[in-house]
Protein backbone atom coordinates (compact mmCIF):
# COMPACT_ATOMS: atom_id res chain seq x y z
CA MET A 1 21.59 87.43 -16.91
CA ALA A 2 21.56 88.44 -13.82
CA MET A 3 23.80 86.40 -10.64
CA THR A 4 21.39 84.62 -8.08
CA PHE A 5 22.82 84.04 -5.00
CA GLY A 6 20.55 81.57 -2.22
CA LEU A 7 22.02 81.96 0.98
CA ILE A 8 21.98 79.34 4.30
CA THR A 9 23.50 80.59 7.04
CA GLU A 10 23.16 80.32 10.91
CA GLY A 11 20.88 83.57 11.77
CA PRO A 12 20.06 86.56 9.68
CA THR A 13 22.74 88.97 11.10
CA ASP A 14 25.07 86.52 9.27
CA GLN A 15 23.06 87.45 6.13
CA VAL A 16 23.51 90.69 6.44
CA VAL A 17 27.45 90.94 6.54
CA LEU A 18 27.20 88.50 3.06
CA LYS A 19 24.74 90.53 1.21
CA TYR A 20 27.01 93.20 1.55
CA LEU A 21 30.26 91.96 1.02
CA LEU A 22 28.23 90.62 -2.14
CA ALA A 23 27.18 93.80 -3.47
CA GLY A 24 30.60 95.41 -2.89
CA TYR A 25 32.39 92.63 -4.61
CA PHE A 26 30.33 92.45 -6.94
CA SER A 27 29.71 96.34 -7.21
CA ASN A 28 26.03 95.48 -7.60
CA PRO A 29 24.25 97.48 -5.01
CA ASP A 30 20.71 95.31 -6.16
CA ILE A 31 22.44 91.88 -6.38
CA ASP A 32 19.89 89.31 -6.18
CA ILE A 33 19.96 87.37 -2.61
CA ARG A 34 17.09 85.34 -1.43
CA ALA A 35 17.41 84.52 1.87
CA VAL A 36 16.57 80.44 2.39
CA GLN A 37 17.43 79.72 5.80
CA PRO A 38 16.68 81.34 8.26
CA ASN A 39 14.04 82.53 6.11
CA ILE A 40 12.70 85.65 6.44
CA ASP A 41 8.65 86.03 5.74
CA ALA A 42 6.43 89.64 4.34
CA THR A 43 5.99 90.26 7.98
CA ASP A 44 10.04 90.32 8.47
CA ARG A 45 9.87 86.77 11.56
CA VAL A 46 12.78 84.94 10.88
CA SER A 47 12.87 81.38 10.91
CA PRO A 48 15.13 79.53 13.54
CA GLY A 49 18.84 79.84 12.90
CA GLY A 50 21.65 77.96 13.83
CA TRP A 51 24.00 76.06 12.99
CA GLN A 52 21.83 72.54 13.25
CA ARG A 53 18.86 73.83 11.03
CA VAL A 54 21.65 74.51 7.87
CA LEU A 55 22.82 70.91 7.91
CA ASN A 56 19.16 69.49 8.82
CA TYR A 57 18.08 71.93 5.53
CA CYS A 58 21.44 70.71 3.71
CA LYS A 59 20.57 66.91 3.87
CA SER A 60 16.42 67.68 3.06
CA PRO A 61 14.92 67.16 0.00
CA ASP A 62 14.61 71.33 0.00
CA MET A 63 18.01 71.49 -0.87
CA ALA A 64 17.61 70.17 -4.78
CA ALA A 65 15.02 72.28 -5.33
CA VAL A 66 17.04 75.74 -3.89
CA LEU A 67 20.26 74.57 -5.96
CA GLN A 68 17.96 73.95 -9.34
CA VAL A 69 16.33 77.13 -8.32
CA GLU A 70 19.57 79.49 -7.72
CA GLY A 71 22.31 80.54 -9.50
CA PHE A 72 24.47 80.13 -6.56
CA VAL A 73 23.92 78.71 -3.08
CA ILE A 74 26.42 79.91 0.06
CA ILE A 75 26.69 77.84 2.88
CA GLN A 76 27.42 79.71 6.31
CA MET A 77 28.49 78.30 9.16
CA ASP A 78 30.71 78.98 12.04
CA THR A 79 32.73 76.61 14.10
CA ASP A 80 33.20 77.98 17.25
CA CYS A 81 30.65 74.91 18.27
CA CYS A 82 32.34 72.46 15.66
CA GLU A 83 32.98 69.94 18.13
CA GLU A 84 29.31 69.85 18.55
CA PHE A 85 29.14 68.92 15.01
CA GLY A 86 31.71 66.51 14.98
CA VAL A 87 34.60 68.45 14.08
CA GLN A 88 37.73 68.39 16.86
CA LYS A 89 39.89 71.10 17.99
CA ARG A 90 42.59 69.32 18.71
CA GLU A 91 43.79 65.74 17.02
CA SER A 92 46.49 62.94 18.77
CA GLY A 93 47.50 66.00 20.94
CA LYS A 94 47.90 68.69 19.22
CA ASP A 95 45.84 71.69 17.87
CA MET A 96 44.15 72.21 14.77
CA THR A 97 44.66 74.83 12.38
CA ASN A 98 42.48 76.98 11.02
CA GLU A 99 42.59 75.53 7.59
CA GLU A 100 41.87 71.74 9.22
CA ILE A 101 39.38 72.48 11.10
CA VAL A 102 37.73 75.16 7.89
CA GLU A 103 37.47 71.96 5.84
CA LYS A 104 36.61 69.03 8.29
CA THR A 105 33.64 71.44 8.61
CA LYS A 106 32.98 71.76 5.07
CA ASN A 107 33.29 68.12 4.72
CA VAL A 108 30.69 67.60 7.52
CA ILE A 109 28.36 69.87 4.97
CA ILE A 110 29.34 67.94 2.09
CA GLY A 111 28.04 64.75 3.98
CA TYR A 112 24.56 65.86 4.62
CA ILE A 113 24.36 67.10 1.16
CA GLY A 114 25.18 63.44 0.45
CA LYS A 115 27.88 62.81 -2.51
CA ASP A 116 25.55 62.04 -5.49
CA LEU A 117 23.86 66.43 -4.77
CA PHE A 118 27.32 67.55 -3.81
CA THR A 119 28.92 66.32 -7.03
CA GLU A 120 25.61 67.30 -9.28
CA PHE A 121 25.41 71.40 -8.24
CA ASN A 122 29.53 71.65 -6.88
CA GLN A 123 29.75 74.46 -9.19
CA LYS A 124 27.00 76.40 -8.01
CA ILE A 125 27.89 75.89 -4.33
CA ILE A 126 29.80 78.60 -2.12
CA PHE A 127 30.99 78.19 1.33
CA ALA A 128 31.40 80.62 3.64
CA ILE A 129 32.48 78.59 6.88
CA SER A 130 33.39 81.28 8.99
CA HIS A 131 36.35 80.79 11.75
CA GLU A 132 35.13 80.68 14.33
CA SER A 133 32.48 83.61 14.20
CA ILE A 134 31.60 85.83 11.81
CA GLU A 135 32.44 88.77 13.59
CA CYS A 136 36.35 88.15 12.73
CA TRP A 137 35.88 88.76 9.33
CA LEU A 138 34.88 92.20 10.57
CA LEU A 139 37.63 93.54 12.76
CA PRO A 140 39.63 94.18 9.59
CA LEU A 141 36.77 97.19 9.35
CA TYR A 142 37.53 98.64 12.67
CA TYR A 143 41.52 97.35 13.17
CA ASN A 144 45.03 97.90 11.65
CA ASP A 145 47.33 95.77 13.89
CA ASN A 146 47.34 92.34 14.92
CA ASN A 147 43.89 92.25 15.82
CA ARG A 148 43.12 92.16 13.22
CA THR A 149 43.76 88.22 12.37
CA LYS A 150 42.17 87.75 15.18
CA THR A 151 39.89 84.43 15.45
CA LEU A 152 38.48 83.65 19.57
CA ASN A 153 36.20 86.38 21.18
CA CYS A 154 35.86 88.21 17.91
CA CYS A 155 32.74 89.82 19.29
CA GLU A 156 33.84 91.04 22.64
CA LYS A 157 36.82 92.80 20.61
CA LEU A 158 35.05 94.18 18.09
CA ASN A 159 33.01 95.90 21.08
CA GLN A 160 35.87 97.88 22.15
CA GLU A 161 35.81 100.00 19.20
CA LEU A 162 31.98 100.17 19.11
CA GLN A 163 31.93 101.25 22.22
CA LYS A 164 33.29 104.43 21.22
CA GLY A 165 30.49 105.10 19.08
CA THR A 166 26.31 104.58 19.62
CA PHE A 167 26.10 101.20 20.41
CA THR A 168 28.33 97.36 20.97
CA LEU A 169 26.94 94.52 20.08
CA ASP A 170 24.89 91.58 22.73
CA CYS A 171 27.27 88.96 21.41
CA ASN A 172 24.60 86.24 22.94
CA SER A 173 21.42 87.39 21.05
CA LYS A 174 22.28 88.84 17.74
CA GLN A 175 20.68 92.29 16.54
CA LYS A 176 20.15 92.39 12.97
CA LYS A 177 19.95 96.47 12.47
CA TYR A 178 23.31 96.95 14.95
CA TYR A 179 25.58 94.73 11.43
CA GLU A 180 23.05 96.64 9.24
CA LYS A 181 24.73 99.80 10.59
CA ILE A 182 28.20 97.82 10.77
CA CYS A 183 28.05 97.53 7.57
CA ARG A 184 26.43 100.89 6.41
CA ASP A 185 28.88 102.87 8.04
CA LYS A 186 32.46 100.89 7.00
CA ARG A 187 30.83 100.56 3.97
CA ASP A 188 34.27 102.96 2.09
CA LYS A 189 36.29 99.57 3.09
CA ILE A 190 33.74 97.47 1.33
CA ARG A 191 32.77 98.90 -1.35
CA ASN A 192 34.67 97.41 -4.46
CA ARG A 193 36.13 94.10 -5.14
CA ALA A 194 40.00 95.56 -4.59
CA LEU A 195 38.53 96.64 -0.50
CA ILE A 196 37.45 93.66 0.27
CA GLU A 197 40.10 91.19 -1.24
CA THR A 198 43.65 93.68 0.91
CA ILE A 199 41.30 92.93 4.05
CA SER A 200 40.04 89.36 3.60
CA VAL A 201 43.89 88.29 3.42
CA HIS A 202 43.89 88.70 7.40
CA ASN A 203 41.32 85.68 8.15
CA VAL A 204 42.45 82.60 6.33
CA SER A 205 38.37 81.75 6.45
CA PHE A 206 37.41 85.21 4.80
CA ASN A 207 39.99 85.43 2.38
CA GLN A 208 39.30 81.43 1.50
CA PHE A 209 35.16 82.33 0.60
CA ILE A 210 36.55 85.74 -1.49
CA GLN A 211 38.81 82.93 -3.34
CA ARG A 212 35.45 81.47 -4.42
CA LEU A 213 33.81 84.48 -5.20
CA SER A 214 36.89 84.97 -7.29
CA SER A 215 36.07 82.00 -9.32
CA LEU A 216 32.85 82.82 -10.62
């Protein structure tokens, strides 16, 4: 039976990145992926996104329904605004590590899903918590130095390379077509499992996501 994935993400650009990573990792360009939240209808209209809508979806009755229908459900959130949903970047006078922030964000999401539902379906749930943003996962596609490990201002850092070409990203109002172009142009680096595993080691949260895929 073919793997099926439902995507619950902050926005459609996150879905683009995840779609290409899944297609490359499982060596299947036609892998069965459905945009759950935000949803894209037949006219290409996108429902509202954002971290709050991810959490709202997770606590809605729709969450149980999608877990029953899909083979796996991927939940993606950035941590750049984590303090707005209760995850502090500093505690007891010290900075939280990337791992701690990602783990605490997962726990927030689990709280919205509910303990009973999460316990029943946890094997189907895959977290894609991008610390600070999913653009940080794209840096190893363009850089071969320490910039691969950056987790701050990643969109701006990405644009330093993109401006050498034909477009740059609007870091506030993200356009799906440009993320599609990035993933197509750099497909040579994400075309199979070994290549994706190689670039993912430069980002803690990216690597955690790939490690979870390896367990399927």
